[in-house]
């Protein structure tokens, strides 16, 4: 199963703690993000009127970078950008 996440999912749900296999009903091999997702998060971290939304966008970007590094070359579901 390849999971393609929307920016709103990343902002409103705890990406790292979600039990994706239970949510989608099968094992997740890869998680894909588009450059549009990254661009939207980058824009939100600097320009959103809500400080809590800016903070959340920063945390999500940091988490995505950490997960991408940690899963590259491992047996865990990969995060592909």
Protein backbone atom coordinates (compact mmCIF):
# COMPACT_ATOMS: atom_id res chain seq x y z
CA UNK A 1 0.00 0.00 0.00
CA UNK A 2 1.24 3.44 -0.91
CA UNK A 3 -0.15 6.24 1.24
CA UNK A 4 -0.36 9.71 -0.33
CA UNK A 5 -0.99 12.33 2.35
CA UNK A 6 -2.65 15.69 1.92
CA UNK A 7 -1.29 18.83 3.63
CA UNK A 8 -4.39 19.06 5.83
CA UNK A 9 -3.87 15.50 7.09
CA UNK A 10 -0.31 16.44 8.01
CA UNK A 11 -1.47 19.56 9.85
CA UNK A 12 -4.43 18.11 11.71
CA UNK A 13 -3.33 14.58 12.62
CA UNK A 14 -0.31 13.21 14.44
CA UNK A 15 1.43 11.70 11.43
CA UNK A 16 4.06 9.80 13.42
CA UNK A 17 1.66 8.26 15.95
CA UNK A 18 -1.16 7.33 13.57
CA UNK A 19 -1.76 3.60 13.14
CA UNK A 20 -1.87 3.79 9.35
CA UNK A 21 -2.31 0.03 8.72
CA UNK A 22 -5.45 0.06 10.89
CA UNK A 23 -6.72 3.24 9.27
CA UNK A 24 -6.26 2.05 5.67
CA UNK A 25 -6.79 -1.66 6.33
CA UNK A 26 -3.46 -3.01 5.09
CA UNK A 27 0.29 -2.62 5.63
CA UNK A 28 1.82 0.64 4.41
CA UNK A 29 5.01 0.24 2.39
CA UNK A 30 5.53 3.85 1.37
CA UNK A 31 4.27 7.28 2.31
CA UNK A 32 4.39 9.82 -0.51
CA UNK A 33 4.35 13.59 -0.33
CA UNK A 34 4.32 15.95 -3.26
CA UNK A 35 6.38 19.09 -3.58
CA UNK A 36 3.06 20.94 -3.33
CA UNK A 37 2.66 19.59 0.23
CA UNK A 38 6.14 20.76 1.18
CA UNK A 39 5.62 24.14 -0.48
CA UNK A 40 2.30 24.65 1.35
CA UNK A 41 3.85 23.71 4.70
CA UNK A 42 6.81 26.00 4.05
CA UNK A 43 4.49 28.89 3.18
CA UNK A 44 2.30 28.25 6.24
CA UNK A 45 5.26 28.16 8.65
CA UNK A 46 6.13 31.74 7.71
CA UNK A 47 2.93 33.40 6.54
CA UNK A 48 -0.14 32.02 8.27
CA UNK A 49 -1.98 34.57 10.48
CA UNK A 50 -2.33 31.99 13.28
CA UNK A 51 0.82 31.43 15.35
CA UNK A 52 -0.39 27.95 16.30
CA UNK A 53 -0.74 27.00 12.61
CA UNK A 54 2.75 28.41 11.87
CA UNK A 55 4.16 26.38 14.77
CA UNK A 56 2.38 23.23 13.64
CA UNK A 57 3.70 23.63 10.08
CA UNK A 58 7.25 24.00 11.47
CA UNK A 59 6.86 20.89 13.63
CA UNK A 60 5.47 18.86 10.72
CA UNK A 61 8.34 19.89 8.43
CA UNK A 62 10.87 18.97 11.11
CA UNK A 63 9.17 15.64 11.74
CA UNK A 64 9.03 14.82 8.02
CA UNK A 65 12.74 15.51 7.69
CA UNK A 66 13.50 13.25 10.68
CA UNK A 67 11.25 10.44 9.44
CA UNK A 68 12.70 10.69 5.93
CA UNK A 69 16.24 10.34 7.29
CA UNK A 70 15.30 7.52 9.67
CA UNK A 71 13.45 5.42 7.09
CA UNK A 72 15.85 5.80 4.17
CA UNK A 73 17.31 2.36 3.59
CA UNK A 74 15.34 0.67 6.38
CA UNK A 75 12.59 -1.94 6.35
CA UNK A 76 10.12 0.55 7.83
CA UNK A 77 7.57 2.23 5.56
CA UNK A 78 9.54 4.78 3.55
CA UNK A 79 8.71 8.45 3.34
CA UNK A 80 9.29 9.60 -0.21
CA UNK A 81 9.44 13.25 -1.19
